[in-house]
Amino acid sequence: MKYNVTIGIPIYNTVDCVQMSLMSALAQTYPSIEFLLVDDGSKDGSLAVVNRIIQNHNRKDDVRVLIHSENLGVSVSRNRIIDEAAGEYLFFMDSDDAIASNTIELMMQNVRRYNAEIVFGSYEKCEISGKKTLYQYPLLQFMKEDELASFAYRKYAGIQASSCNFLVKTSILRENQLRFIDTDYWEDLVFTFDLVTYISRAVFLPDITYSYKCRMNSLSHYHTRDRISKEEVMKNIKAINHLKDTTKSLCKKNYYPNRCFSIAMTDFFIVCNILKLRKVIRPPFNMAEMKSVLDHPSSFIKICTFRQAFVRNMLLFLLGKLPSFICVWIVWLIGKVKKLI
């Protein structure tokens, strides 16, 4: 390939922060990088900002800008980046976030040192209030088949459920036809959740390589809004249902019970959030709809064979089989005790 790395950035109506994001990418100390930008039909002048930045930048010859005449969604933009990338390795970032200047250099050093297929960095989350929270991995290497997936599913939220802040071999995505599903909600969670099942050599770094900036109008920023459409929540549920479908082919893997538990727990948290935000979700969810979210990805017979996470999976399976009122009441009670609601 022409480049060692492609940094792929989907852009849609981020005129207030795309300069910060793009400049952090262009400031990388690593030399062999293609910067592949997809403007997804922005209407706020984001593309003009991008063009102004790259016009006289010393890396302008390494920048490609692809333009969608209308907004097709972030999944379409990321899939186009996968198809078009000229780098041996691919790094996604969002156009409202920033990366450290040595992010790619540090990750490529570990790619070469361990012959890694993927390298994850640690990150910081910057809230609207200015508060910063660090999410830091220990230094880890997984050098055998299924080790990364086992680590990712060992507990709920074992790794960051994001398509950003990791460097992955482009050929793995293409050869396994890994794509972002057609939704604007949790498409990155689904992508990463499935990606780890194809990786045999992975490295985790404790270095903070990525700054995730929370924005008021972010697709995932539920909790400061006074109205949430039911359709938006249903897209989250659709994403998790996709994971339930892809899980079926993994039933012989050692990590299958823990993957099932992670998915079932995500369903549980979705229902907790529906209950917590029930006053602002319109139209509202009824009891039967909330219960249906808790449909377990595995069967009773299969769970009975689990050597890992048997009790946790069985409890979540049985919870979803109770009458709607009792099922939702138990979720509410647990959510209150755990301060989730």
C-alpha atoms as a PDB file:
ATOM      1  CA  MET A   1       0.000   0.000   0.000  1.00  0.00           C
ATOM      2  CA  LYS A   2       1.076   3.598  -0.567  1.00  0.00           C
ATOM      3  CA  TYR A   3       0.962   4.556   3.125  1.00  0.00           C
ATOM      4  CA  ASN A   4       1.643   2.769   6.396  1.00  0.00           C
ATOM      5  CA  VAL A   5      -1.460   4.365   7.980  1.00  0.00           C
ATOM      6  CA  THR A   6      -4.718   5.985   6.941  1.00  0.00           C
ATOM      7  CA  ILE A   7      -6.435   8.299   9.413  1.00  0.00           C
ATOM      8  CA  GLY A   8     -10.112   8.258   8.460  1.00  0.00           C
ATOM      9  CA  ILE A   9     -12.357  11.128   9.593  1.00  0.00           C
ATOM     10  CA  PRO A  10     -16.088  11.308   8.805  1.00  0.00           C
ATOM     11  CA  ILE A  11     -17.304  14.915   8.920  1.00  0.00           C
ATOM     12  CA  TYR A  12     -20.843  16.179   9.338  1.00  0.00           C
ATOM     13  CA  ASN A  13     -21.775  19.642  10.618  1.00  0.00           C
ATOM     14  CA  THR A  14     -18.892  20.092  13.072  1.00  0.00           C
ATOM     15  CA  VAL A  15     -17.804  23.548  11.945  1.00  0.00           C
ATOM     16  CA  ASP A  16     -17.074  24.622  15.518  1.00  0.00           C
ATOM     17  CA  CYS A  17     -14.551  21.851  16.221  1.00  0.00           C
ATOM     18  CA  VAL A  18     -13.351  20.306  12.938  1.00  0.00           C
ATOM     19  CA  GLN A  19     -10.320  22.621  12.847  1.00  0.00           C
ATOM     20  CA  MET A  20      -9.132  21.405  16.250  1.00  0.00           C
ATOM     21  CA  SER A  21      -9.683  17.808  15.215  1.00  0.00           C
ATOM     22  CA  LEU A  22      -8.015  18.002  11.808  1.00  0.00           C
ATOM     23  CA  MET A  23      -5.041  19.970  13.107  1.00  0.00           C
ATOM     24  CA  SER A  24      -4.400  17.312  15.742  1.00  0.00           C
ATOM     25  CA  ALA A  25      -4.361  14.687  12.989  1.00  0.00           C
ATOM     26  CA  LEU A  26      -2.077  16.694  10.719  1.00  0.00           C
ATOM     27  CA  ALA A  27       0.313  17.317  13.649  1.00  0.00           C
ATOM     28  CA  GLN A  28       1.235  13.618  13.861  1.00  0.00           C
ATOM     29  CA  THR A  29       4.958  12.940  14.218  1.00  0.00           C
ATOM     30  CA  TYR A  30       4.719   9.767  12.146  1.00  0.00           C
ATOM     31  CA  PRO A  31       5.525  10.446   8.459  1.00  0.00           C
ATOM     32  CA  SER A  32       3.688   7.857   6.331  1.00  0.00           C
ATOM     33  CA  ILE A  33       0.037   8.831   6.854  1.00  0.00           C
ATOM     34  CA  GLU A  34      -2.853   9.328   4.468  1.00  0.00           C
ATOM     35  CA  PHE A  35      -5.578  11.644   5.780  1.00  0.00           C
ATOM     36  CA  LEU A  36      -8.876  10.458   4.319  1.00  0.00           C
ATOM     37  CA  LEU A  37     -11.774  12.806   5.058  1.00  0.00           C
ATOM     38  CA  VAL A  38     -15.401  12.161   4.121  1.00  0.00           C
ATOM     39  CA  ASP A  39     -17.693  15.183   4.222  1.00  0.00           C
ATOM     40  CA  ASP A  40     -21.141  13.654   4.633  1.00  0.00           C
ATOM     41  CA  GLY A  41     -23.219  16.468   3.178  1.00  0.00           C
ATOM     42  CA  SER A  42     -22.351  19.142   5.763  1.00  0.00           C
ATOM     43  CA  LYS A  43     -24.458  22.298   5.559  1.00  0.00           C
ATOM     44  CA  ASP A  44     -22.676  24.460   8.160  1.00  0.00           C
ATOM     45  CA  GLY A  45     -19.401  25.331   6.431  1.00  0.00           C
ATOM     46  CA  SER A  46     -17.344  22.422   7.787  1.00  0.00           C
ATOM     47  CA  LEU A  47     -15.967  21.648   4.320  1.00  0.00           C
ATOM     48  CA  ALA A  48     -14.843  25.254   3.830  1.00  0.00           C
ATOM     49  CA  VAL A  49     -12.887  25.071   7.098  1.00  0.00           C
ATOM     50  CA  VAL A  50     -11.250  21.819   5.974  1.00  0.00           C
ATOM     51  CA  ASN A  51     -10.304  23.251   2.583  1.00  0.00           C
ATOM     52  CA  ARG A  52      -8.825  26.365   4.186  1.00  0.00           C
ATOM     53  CA  ILE A  53      -6.663  24.293   6.528  1.00  0.00           C
ATOM     54  CA  ILE A  54      -5.241  21.937   3.928  1.00  0.00           C
ATOM     55  CA  GLN A  55      -4.740  24.550   1.209  1.00  0.00           C
ATOM     56  CA  ASN A  56      -1.314  25.631   2.458  1.00  0.00           C
ATOM     57  CA  HIS A  57      -0.500  22.826   4.890  1.00  0.00           C
ATOM     58  CA  ASN A  58       2.795  21.002   4.376  1.00  0.00           C
ATOM     59  CA  ARG A  59       0.926  17.662   4.375  1.00  0.00           C
ATOM     60  CA  LYS A  60      -1.705  18.734   1.847  1.00  0.00           C
ATOM     61  CA  ASP A  61      -0.522  16.160  -0.712  1.00  0.00           C
ATOM     62  CA  ASP A  62      -1.371  13.388   1.765  1.00  0.00           C
ATOM     63  CA  VAL A  63      -4.952  14.586   2.256  1.00  0.00           C
ATOM     64  CA  ARG A  64      -7.921  13.259   0.285  1.00  0.00           C
ATOM     65  CA  VAL A  65     -11.396  14.701   0.717  1.00  0.00           C
ATOM     66  CA  LEU A  66     -14.393  12.683  -0.436  1.00  0.00           C
ATOM     67  CA  ILE A  67     -17.720  14.478  -0.640  1.00  0.00           C
ATOM     68  CA  HIS A  68     -21.265  13.168  -0.279  1.00  0.00           C
ATOM     69  CA  SER A  69     -23.834  15.446  -1.904  1.00  0.00           C
ATOM     70  CA  GLU A  70     -26.315  14.548   0.852  1.00  0.00           C
ATOM     71  CA  ASN A  71     -26.127  13.228   4.386  1.00  0.00           C
ATOM     72  CA  LEU A  72     -25.884   9.422   4.204  1.00  0.00           C
ATOM     73  CA  GLY A  73     -24.929   8.724   7.816  1.00  0.00           C
ATOM     74  CA  VAL A  74     -21.719   8.011   9.681  1.00  0.00           C
ATOM     75  CA  SER A  75     -21.818   4.283   8.877  1.00  0.00           C
ATOM     76  CA  VAL A  76     -21.777   4.940   5.130  1.00  0.00           C
ATOM     77  CA  SER A  77     -18.871   7.368   5.598  1.00  0.00           C
ATOM     78  CA  ARG A  78     -16.816   4.918   7.648  1.00  0.00           C
ATOM     79  CA  ASN A  79     -17.507   2.068   5.232  1.00  0.00           C
ATOM     80  CA  ARG A  80     -16.318   4.250   2.376  1.00  0.00           C
ATOM     81  CA  ILE A  81     -13.124   4.951   4.326  1.00  0.00           C
ATOM     82  CA  ILE A  82     -12.571   1.189   4.711  1.00  0.00           C
ATOM     83  CA  ASP A  83     -13.037   0.751   0.949  1.00  0.00           C
ATOM     84  CA  GLU A  84     -10.856   3.686  -0.097  1.00  0.00           C
ATOM     85  CA  ALA A  85      -8.040   3.656   2.472  1.00  0.00           C
ATOM     86  CA  ALA A  86      -4.546   3.454   0.981  1.00  0.00           C
ATOM     87  CA  GLY A  87      -2.897   2.674   4.333  1.00  0.00           C
ATOM     88  CA  GLU A  88      -1.791  -0.749   5.527  1.00  0.00           C
ATOM     89  CA  TYR A  89      -3.307   0.177   8.895  1.00  0.00           C
ATOM     90  CA  LEU A  90      -6.429   2.241   9.565  1.00  0.00           C
ATOM     91  CA  PHE A  91      -7.196   4.635  12.418  1.00  0.00           C
ATOM     92  CA  PHE A  92     -10.652   6.186  12.785  1.00  0.00           C
ATOM     93  CA  MET A  93     -11.269   9.428  14.621  1.00  0.00           C
ATOM     94  CA  ASP A  94     -14.314  11.677  14.893  1.00  0.00           C
ATOM     95  CA  SER A  95     -14.304  15.249  13.645  1.00  0.00           C
ATOM     96  CA  ASP A  96     -15.104  16.662  17.093  1.00  0.00           C
ATOM     97  CA  ASP A  97     -12.311  14.820  18.941  1.00  0.00           C
ATOM     98  CA  ALA A  98      -8.515  15.185  19.079  1.00  0.00           C
ATOM     99  CA  ILE A  99      -5.491  12.904  19.198  1.00  0.00           C
ATOM    100  CA  ALA A 100      -2.050  13.326  20.775  1.00  0.00           C
ATOM    101  CA  SER A 101       0.716  14.274  18.361  1.00  0.00           C
ATOM    102  CA  ASN A 102       2.541  10.967  18.879  1.00  0.00           C
ATOM    103  CA  THR A 103      -0.528   8.725  18.681  1.00  0.00           C
ATOM    104  CA  ILE A 104       0.259   7.063  15.347  1.00  0.00           C
ATOM    105  CA  GLU A 105       3.994   6.880  15.982  1.00  0.00           C
ATOM    106  CA  LEU A 106       3.444   5.172  19.325  1.00  0.00           C
ATOM    107  CA  MET A 107       0.944   2.707  17.890  1.00  0.00           C
ATOM    108  CA  MET A 108       3.111   1.867  14.882  1.00  0.00           C
ATOM    109  CA  GLN A 109       6.073   1.214  17.179  1.00  0.00           C
ATOM    110  CA  ASN A 110       3.983  -1.434  18.916  1.00  0.00           C
ATOM    111  CA  VAL A 111       2.672  -2.803  15.607  1.00  0.00           C
ATOM    112  CA  ARG A 112       6.279  -3.444  14.532  1.00  0.00           C
ATOM    113  CA  ARG A 113       7.473  -4.657  17.932  1.00  0.00           C
ATOM    114  CA  TYR A 114       4.744  -7.273  18.342  1.00  0.00           C
ATOM    115  CA  ASN A 115       3.652  -7.808  14.726  1.00  0.00           C
ATOM    116  CA  ALA A 116       0.276  -6.673  16.026  1.00  0.00           C
ATOM    117  CA  GLU A 117      -2.923  -6.658  14.005  1.00  0.00           C
ATOM    118  CA  ILE A 118      -4.482  -4.046  16.274  1.00  0.00           C
ATOM    119  CA  VAL A 119      -3.223  -1.564  18.884  1.00  0.00           C
ATOM    120  CA  PHE A 120      -5.555   0.186  21.349  1.00  0.00           C
ATOM    121  CA  GLY A 121      -4.714   3.425  23.142  1.00  0.00           C
ATOM    122  CA  SER A 122      -6.116   4.782  26.397  1.00  0.00           C
ATOM    123  CA  TYR A 123      -8.233   7.920  26.299  1.00  0.00           C
ATOM    124  CA  GLU A 124      -9.701  10.847  28.188  1.00  0.00           C
ATOM    125  CA  LYS A 125     -13.337  11.890  28.177  1.00  0.00           C
ATOM    126  CA  CYS A 126     -13.927  15.642  28.299  1.00  0.00           C
ATOM    127  CA  GLU A 127     -17.384  16.588  29.566  1.00  0.00           C
ATOM    128  CA  ILE A 128     -19.284  19.723  28.569  1.00  0.00           C
ATOM    129  CA  SER A 129     -18.649  21.013  32.115  1.00  0.00           C
ATOM    130  CA  GLY A 130     -14.893  20.793  31.578  1.00  0.00           C
ATOM    131  CA  LYS A 131     -14.450  17.731  33.769  1.00  0.00           C
ATOM    132  CA  LYS A 132     -11.975  15.170  32.419  1.00  0.00           C
ATOM    133  CA  THR A 133     -12.058  11.456  33.147  1.00  0.00           C
ATOM    134  CA  LEU A 134      -9.205   9.117  32.229  1.00  0.00           C
ATOM    135  CA  TYR A 135      -9.873   5.605  30.922  1.00  0.00           C
ATOM    136  CA  GLN A 136      -6.518   3.902  31.092  1.00  0.00           C
ATOM    137  CA  TYR A 137      -5.627   0.354  30.112  1.00  0.00           C
ATOM    138  CA  PRO A 138      -2.677  -1.489  31.604  1.00  0.00           C
ATOM    139  CA  LEU A 139       0.069  -2.453  29.155  1.00  0.00           C
ATOM    140  CA  LEU A 140      -1.208  -5.739  27.694  1.00  0.00           C
ATOM    141  CA  GLN A 141      -0.411  -8.057  24.803  1.00  0.00           C
ATOM    142  CA  PHE A 142      -2.637 -10.822  23.448  1.00  0.00           C
ATOM    143  CA  MET A 143      -0.801 -13.052  21.009  1.00  0.00           C
ATOM    144  CA  LYS A 144      -3.121 -16.045  20.546  1.00  0.00           C
ATOM    145  CA  GLU A 145      -6.398 -16.627  18.740  1.00  0.00           C
ATOM    146  CA  ASP A 146      -9.485 -15.674  20.784  1.00  0.00           C
ATOM    147  CA  GLU A 147      -7.426 -14.100  23.602  1.00  0.00           C
ATOM    148  CA  LEU A 148      -8.531 -10.565  22.725  1.00  0.00           C
ATOM    149  CA  ALA A 149     -12.191 -11.540  22.432  1.00  0.00           C
ATOM    150  CA  SER A 150     -12.013 -13.359  25.771  1.00  0.00           C
ATOM    151  CA  PHE A 151     -10.531 -10.230  27.363  1.00  0.00           C
ATOM    152  CA  ALA A 152     -13.093  -7.933  25.735  1.00  0.00           C
ATOM    153  CA  TYR A 153     -16.039 -10.020  26.989  1.00  0.00           C
ATOM    154  CA  ARG A 154     -14.599 -10.964  30.393  1.00  0.00           C
ATOM    155  CA  LYS A 155     -16.828  -8.367  32.059  1.00  0.00           C
ATOM    156  CA  TYR A 156     -19.348  -5.810  30.926  1.00  0.00           C
ATOM    157  CA  ALA A 157     -17.580  -2.990  29.013  1.00  0.00           C
ATOM    158  CA  GLY A 158     -14.215  -4.752  29.006  1.00  0.00           C
ATOM    159  CA  ILE A 159     -12.942  -2.469  26.237  1.00  0.00           C
ATOM    160  CA  GLN A 160     -14.009   0.887  24.845  1.00  0.00           C
ATOM    161  CA  ALA A 161     -17.054   0.373  22.624  1.00  0.00           C
ATOM    162  CA  SER A 162     -15.876   2.835  19.988  1.00  0.00           C
ATOM    163  CA  SER A 163     -14.496   2.655  16.459  1.00  0.00           C
ATOM    164  CA  CYS A 164     -11.920   5.302  17.364  1.00  0.00           C
ATOM    165  CA  ASN A 165      -8.537   5.193  19.086  1.00  0.00           C
ATOM    166  CA  PHE A 166      -7.223   1.921  17.732  1.00  0.00           C
ATOM    167  CA  LEU A 167      -4.970   1.135  14.795  1.00  0.00           C
ATOM    168  CA  VAL A 168      -6.105  -1.956  12.894  1.00  0.00           C
ATOM    169  CA  LYS A 169      -4.772  -3.800   9.871  1.00  0.00           C
ATOM    170  CA  THR A 170      -6.920  -2.730   6.922  1.00  0.00           C
ATOM    171  CA  SER A 171      -6.798  -6.141   5.245  1.00  0.00           C
ATOM    172  CA  ILE A 172      -8.537  -7.753   8.252  1.00  0.00           C
ATOM    173  CA  LEU A 173     -11.526  -5.478   7.770  1.00  0.00           C
ATOM    174  CA  ARG A 174     -11.701  -6.141   4.053  1.00  0.00           C
ATOM    175  CA  GLU A 175     -11.030  -9.877   4.055  1.00  0.00           C
ATOM    176  CA  ASN A 176     -13.697 -10.483   6.715  1.00  0.00           C
ATOM    177  CA  GLN A 177     -16.134  -7.992   5.158  1.00  0.00           C
ATOM    178  CA  LEU A 178     -16.437  -6.074   8.409  1.00  0.00           C
ATOM    179  CA  ARG A 179     -18.825  -3.178   7.909  1.00  0.00           C
ATOM    180  CA  PHE A 180     -20.618  -0.606  10.012  1.00  0.00           C
ATOM    181  CA  ILE A 181     -24.316  -1.407  10.195  1.00  0.00           C
ATOM    182  CA  ASP A 182     -26.826   1.033   8.750  1.00  0.00           C
ATOM    183  CA  THR A 183     -27.709   3.053  11.833  1.00  0.00           C
ATOM    184  CA  ASP A 184     -26.464   6.255  13.446  1.00  0.00           C
ATOM    185  CA  TYR A 185     -26.647   4.823  16.958  1.00  0.00           C
ATOM    186  CA  TRP A 186     -24.129   2.371  18.483  1.00  0.00           C
ATOM    187  CA  GLU A 187     -22.823   1.378  15.065  1.00  0.00           C
ATOM    188  CA  ASP A 188     -19.313   1.650  16.539  1.00  0.00           C
ATOM    189  CA  LEU A 189     -20.175  -0.615  19.476  1.00  0.00           C
ATOM    190  CA  VAL A 190     -21.405  -3.326  17.086  1.00  0.00           C
ATOM    191  CA  PHE A 191     -18.354  -2.929  14.842  1.00  0.00           C
ATOM    192  CA  THR A 192     -15.829  -3.210  17.682  1.00  0.00           C
ATOM    193  CA  PHE A 193     -17.742  -6.003  19.429  1.00  0.00           C
ATOM    194  CA  ASP A 194     -17.473  -8.130  16.284  1.00  0.00           C
ATOM    195  CA  LEU A 195     -14.001  -6.970  15.216  1.00  0.00           C
ATOM    196  CA  VAL A 196     -12.265  -8.475  18.254  1.00  0.00           C
ATOM    197  CA  THR A 197     -13.363 -11.968  17.186  1.00  0.00           C
ATOM    198  CA  TYR A 198     -11.108 -11.730  14.097  1.00  0.00           C
ATOM    199  CA  ILE A 199      -7.948 -10.555  15.890  1.00  0.00           C
ATOM    200  CA  SER A 200      -5.105 -12.849  16.975  1.00  0.00           C
ATOM    201  CA  ARG A 201      -2.386 -10.332  17.928  1.00  0.00           C
ATOM    202  CA  ALA A 202      -3.363  -7.248  19.935  1.00  0.00           C
ATOM    203  CA  VAL A 203      -1.673  -4.654  22.158  1.00  0.00           C
ATOM    204  CA  PHE A 204      -3.190  -2.285  24.737  1.00  0.00           C
ATOM    205  CA  LEU A 205      -1.309   0.865  25.737  1.00  0.00           C
ATOM    206  CA  PRO A 206      -1.611   2.893  28.953  1.00  0.00           C
ATOM    207  CA  ASP A 207      -0.736   6.081  27.044  1.00  0.00           C
ATOM    208  CA  ILE A 208      -3.553   8.630  26.618  1.00  0.00           C
ATOM    209  CA  THR A 209      -3.723   8.947  22.839  1.00  0.00           C
ATOM    210  CA  TYR A 210      -7.272  10.259  22.303  1.00  0.00           C
ATOM    211  CA  SER A 211      -9.497  13.021  23.686  1.00  0.00           C
ATOM    212  CA  TYR A 212     -13.193  12.279  23.375  1.00  0.00           C
ATOM    213  CA  LYS A 213     -15.136  15.544  23.482  1.00  0.00           C
ATOM    214  CA  CYS A 214     -18.745  15.346  24.664  1.00  0.00           C
ATOM    215  CA  ARG A 215     -21.063  17.755  22.848  1.00  0.00           C
ATOM    216  CA  MET A 216     -24.594  18.853  23.678  1.00  0.00           C
ATOM    217  CA  ASN A 217     -25.940  17.714  20.296  1.00  0.00           C
ATOM    218  CA  SER A 218     -24.065  14.433  20.181  1.00  0.00           C
ATOM    219  CA  LEU A 219     -26.159  11.477  19.017  1.00  0.00           C
ATOM    220  CA  SER A 220     -25.389   9.599  22.230  1.00  0.00           C
ATOM    221  CA  HIS A 221     -25.834  12.526  24.622  1.00  0.00           C
ATOM    222  CA  TYR A 222     -29.152  11.516  26.200  1.00  0.00           C
ATOM    223  CA  HIS A 223     -29.061  12.841  29.699  1.00  0.00           C
ATOM    224  CA  THR A 224     -29.096  16.612  29.223  1.00  0.00           C
ATOM    225  CA  ARG A 225     -32.002  16.658  26.783  1.00  0.00           C
ATOM    226  CA  ASP A 226     -35.642  17.441  27.537  1.00  0.00           C
ATOM    227  CA  ARG A 227     -37.032  15.263  24.755  1.00  0.00           C
ATOM    228  CA  ILE A 228     -35.838  11.956  23.264  1.00  0.00           C
ATOM    229  CA  SER A 229     -37.634  10.257  20.409  1.00  0.00           C
ATOM    230  CA  LYS A 230     -38.617   6.641  20.848  1.00  0.00           C
ATOM    231  CA  GLU A 231     -37.218   6.009  17.373  1.00  0.00           C
ATOM    232  CA  GLU A 232     -33.752   7.013  18.616  1.00  0.00           C
ATOM    233  CA  VAL A 233     -33.868   4.482  21.444  1.00  0.00           C
ATOM    234  CA  MET A 234     -35.163   1.837  19.041  1.00  0.00           C
ATOM    235  CA  LYS A 235     -32.030   2.332  16.930  1.00  0.00           C
ATOM    236  CA  ASN A 236     -29.935   1.437  19.990  1.00  0.00           C
ATOM    237  CA  ILE A 237     -32.041  -1.686  20.418  1.00  0.00           C
ATOM    238  CA  LYS A 238     -31.657  -2.516  16.723  1.00  0.00           C
ATOM    239  CA  ALA A 239     -27.870  -2.364  17.091  1.00  0.00           C
ATOM    240  CA  ILE A 240     -27.878  -4.814  20.005  1.00  0.00           C
ATOM    241  CA  ASN A 241     -30.247  -7.133  18.126  1.00  0.00           C
ATOM    242  CA  HIS A 242     -27.683  -7.213  15.319  1.00  0.00           C
ATOM    243  CA  LEU A 243     -25.099  -8.417  17.843  1.00  0.00           C
ATOM    244  CA  LYS A 244     -27.498 -11.140  18.970  1.00  0.00           C
ATOM    245  CA  ASP A 245     -27.668 -12.350  15.373  1.00  0.00           C
ATOM    246  CA  THR A 246     -23.875 -12.415  14.882  1.00  0.00           C
ATOM    247  CA  THR A 247     -23.445 -14.175  18.234  1.00  0.00           C
ATOM    248  CA  LYS A 248     -25.229 -17.295  17.000  1.00  0.00           C
ATOM    249  CA  SER A 249     -22.269 -18.330  14.819  1.00  0.00           C
ATOM    250  CA  LEU A 250     -19.886 -18.091  17.795  1.00  0.00           C
ATOM    251  CA  CYS A 251     -21.600 -20.613  20.068  1.00  0.00           C
ATOM    252  CA  LYS A 252     -18.593 -22.997  20.028  1.00  0.00           C
ATOM    253  CA  LYS A 253     -16.118 -20.346  21.174  1.00  0.00           C
ATOM    254  CA  ASN A 254     -14.859 -20.330  24.759  1.00  0.00           C
ATOM    255  CA  TYR A 255     -15.815 -16.676  25.091  1.00  0.00           C
ATOM    256  CA  TYR A 256     -19.416 -17.252  23.958  1.00  0.00           C
ATOM    257  CA  PRO A 257     -20.972 -17.247  27.490  1.00  0.00           C
ATOM    258  CA  ASN A 258     -19.277 -13.969  28.400  1.00  0.00           C
ATOM    259  CA  ARG A 259     -20.234 -12.390  25.072  1.00  0.00           C
ATOM    260  CA  CYS A 260     -23.852 -13.400  25.734  1.00  0.00           C
ATOM    261  CA  PHE A 261     -23.677 -11.889  29.208  1.00  0.00           C
ATOM    262  CA  SER A 262     -22.239  -8.613  27.862  1.00  0.00           C
ATOM    263  CA  ILE A 263     -25.076  -8.338  25.350  1.00  0.00           C
ATOM    264  CA  ALA A 264     -27.727  -9.239  27.929  1.00  0.00           C
ATOM    265  CA  MET A 265     -26.318  -6.664  30.355  1.00  0.00           C
ATOM    266  CA  THR A 266     -26.439  -4.029  27.627  1.00  0.00           C
ATOM    267  CA  ASP A 267     -30.134  -4.855  27.199  1.00  0.00           C
ATOM    268  CA  PHE A 268     -30.586  -4.495  30.965  1.00  0.00           C
ATOM    269  CA  PHE A 269     -28.965  -1.048  30.952  1.00  0.00           C
ATOM    270  CA  ILE A 270     -31.105   0.020  27.986  1.00  0.00           C
ATOM    271  CA  VAL A 271     -34.257  -0.791  29.967  1.00  0.00           C
ATOM    272  CA  CYS A 272     -32.855   1.023  33.012  1.00  0.00           C
ATOM    273  CA  ASN A 273     -32.291   4.097  30.841  1.00  0.00           C
ATOM    274  CA  ILE A 274     -35.787   3.845  29.381  1.00  0.00           C
ATOM    275  CA  LEU A 275     -37.176   3.816  32.928  1.00  0.00           C
ATOM    276  CA  LYS A 276     -34.889   6.637  34.041  1.00  0.00           C
ATOM    277  CA  LEU A 277     -35.804   8.829  31.072  1.00  0.00           C
ATOM    278  CA  ARG A 278     -39.425   7.727  30.712  1.00  0.00           C
ATOM    279  CA  LYS A 279     -40.710  11.295  31.229  1.00  0.00           C
ATOM    280  CA  VAL A 280     -38.832  12.622  28.177  1.00  0.00           C
ATOM    281  CA  ILE A 281     -39.076   9.640  25.765  1.00  0.00           C
ATOM    282  CA  ARG A 282     -41.943  10.187  23.332  1.00  0.00           C
ATOM    283  CA  PRO A 283     -43.967   8.226  22.536  1.00  0.00           C
ATOM    284  CA  PRO A 284     -43.394   6.157  25.693  1.00  0.00           C
ATOM    285  CA  PHE A 285     -42.478   2.481  25.880  1.00  0.00           C
ATOM    286  CA  ASN A 286     -45.056   0.097  27.316  1.00  0.00           C
ATOM    287  CA  MET A 287     -44.257  -2.812  29.635  1.00  0.00           C
ATOM    288  CA  ALA A 288     -44.293  -5.453  26.894  1.00  0.00           C
ATOM    289  CA  GLU A 289     -41.893  -3.447  24.735  1.00  0.00           C
ATOM    290  CA  MET A 290     -39.439  -3.063  27.609  1.00  0.00           C
ATOM    291  CA  LYS A 291     -39.626  -6.760  28.396  1.00  0.00           C
ATOM    292  CA  SER A 292     -38.945  -7.648  24.743  1.00  0.00           C
ATOM    293  CA  VAL A 293     -35.633  -5.760  24.931  1.00  0.00           C
ATOM    294  CA  LEU A 294     -34.454  -8.361  27.470  1.00  0.00           C
ATOM    295  CA  ASP A 295     -34.682 -11.282  25.033  1.00  0.00           C
ATOM    296  CA  HIS A 296     -31.494 -13.246  25.771  1.00  0.00           C
ATOM    297  CA  PRO A 297     -29.065 -14.001  22.893  1.00  0.00           C
ATOM    298  CA  SER A 298     -28.826 -17.677  23.873  1.00  0.00           C
ATOM    299  CA  SER A 299     -31.286 -20.470  24.663  1.00  0.00           C
ATOM    300  CA  PHE A 300     -32.121 -22.111  27.988  1.00  0.00           C
ATOM    301  CA  ILE A 301     -30.616 -25.430  26.836  1.00  0.00           C
ATOM    302  CA  LYS A 302     -27.399 -23.778  25.679  1.00  0.00           C
ATOM    303  CA  ILE A 303     -27.035 -21.751  28.889  1.00  0.00           C
ATOM    304  CA  CYS A 304     -27.280 -24.980  30.876  1.00  0.00           C
ATOM    305  CA  THR A 305     -24.000 -26.083  29.229  1.00  0.00           C
ATOM    306  CA  PHE A 306     -22.094 -22.908  30.162  1.00  0.00           C
ATOM    307  CA  ARG A 307     -18.967 -23.337  32.267  1.00  0.00           C
ATOM    308  CA  GLN A 308     -18.507 -19.588  32.508  1.00  0.00           C
ATOM    309  CA  ALA A 309     -21.023 -16.948  33.590  1.00  0.00           C
ATOM    310  CA  PHE A 310     -23.726 -19.602  34.032  1.00  0.00           C
ATOM    311  CA  VAL A 311     -25.578 -17.993  36.948  1.00  0.00           C
ATOM    312  CA  ARG A 312     -25.459 -14.465  35.483  1.00  0.00           C
ATOM    313  CA  ASN A 313     -26.737 -15.589  32.097  1.00  0.00           C
ATOM    314  CA  MET A 314     -29.445 -17.792  33.586  1.00  0.00           C
ATOM    315  CA  LEU A 315     -30.746 -14.997  35.825  1.00  0.00           C
ATOM    316  CA  LEU A 316     -30.927 -12.578  32.895  1.00  0.00           C
ATOM    317  CA  PHE A 317     -32.561 -15.230  30.717  1.00  0.00           C
ATOM    318  CA  LEU A 318     -35.230 -15.948  33.345  1.00  0.00           C
ATOM    319  CA  LEU A 319     -35.793 -12.235  33.947  1.00  0.00           C
ATOM    320  CA  GLY A 320     -36.805 -11.841  30.314  1.00  0.00           C
ATOM    321  CA  LYS A 321     -39.299 -14.703  30.614  1.00  0.00           C
ATOM    322  CA  LEU A 322     -41.296 -13.245  33.495  1.00  0.00           C
ATOM    323  CA  PRO A 323     -44.637 -11.493  32.940  1.00  0.00           C
ATOM    324  CA  SER A 324     -44.086  -7.964  31.657  1.00  0.00           C
ATOM    325  CA  PHE A 325     -45.087  -6.109  34.821  1.00  0.00           C
ATOM    326  CA  ILE A 326     -42.968  -8.287  37.122  1.00  0.00           C
ATOM    327  CA  CYS A 327     -40.010  -8.218  34.719  1.00  0.00           C
ATOM    328  CA  VAL A 328     -39.976  -4.414  34.470  1.00  0.00           C
ATOM    329  CA  TRP A 329     -40.626  -3.977  38.216  1.00  0.00           C
ATOM    330  CA  ILE A 330     -37.546  -6.119  39.027  1.00  0.00           C
ATOM    331  CA  VAL A 331     -35.406  -4.111  36.586  1.00  0.00           C
ATOM    332  CA  TRP A 332     -36.656  -0.895  38.214  1.00  0.00           C
ATOM    333  CA  LEU A 333     -35.913  -2.226  41.703  1.00  0.00           C
ATOM    334  CA  ILE A 334     -32.375  -3.367  40.815  1.00  0.00           C
ATOM    335  CA  GLY A 335     -31.772  -0.130  38.935  1.00  0.00           C
ATOM    336  CA  LYS A 336     -32.785   1.884  41.994  1.00  0.00           C
ATOM    337  CA  VAL A 337     -30.555  -0.146  44.308  1.00  0.00           C
ATOM    338  CA  LYS A 338     -27.591   0.184  41.924  1.00  0.00           C
ATOM    339  CA  LYS A 339     -28.358   3.905  41.398  1.00  0.00           C
ATOM    340  CA  LEU A 340     -28.887   3.386  37.669  1.00  0.00           C
ATOM    341  CA  ILE A 341     -32.348   4.963  37.830  1.00  0.00           C
END
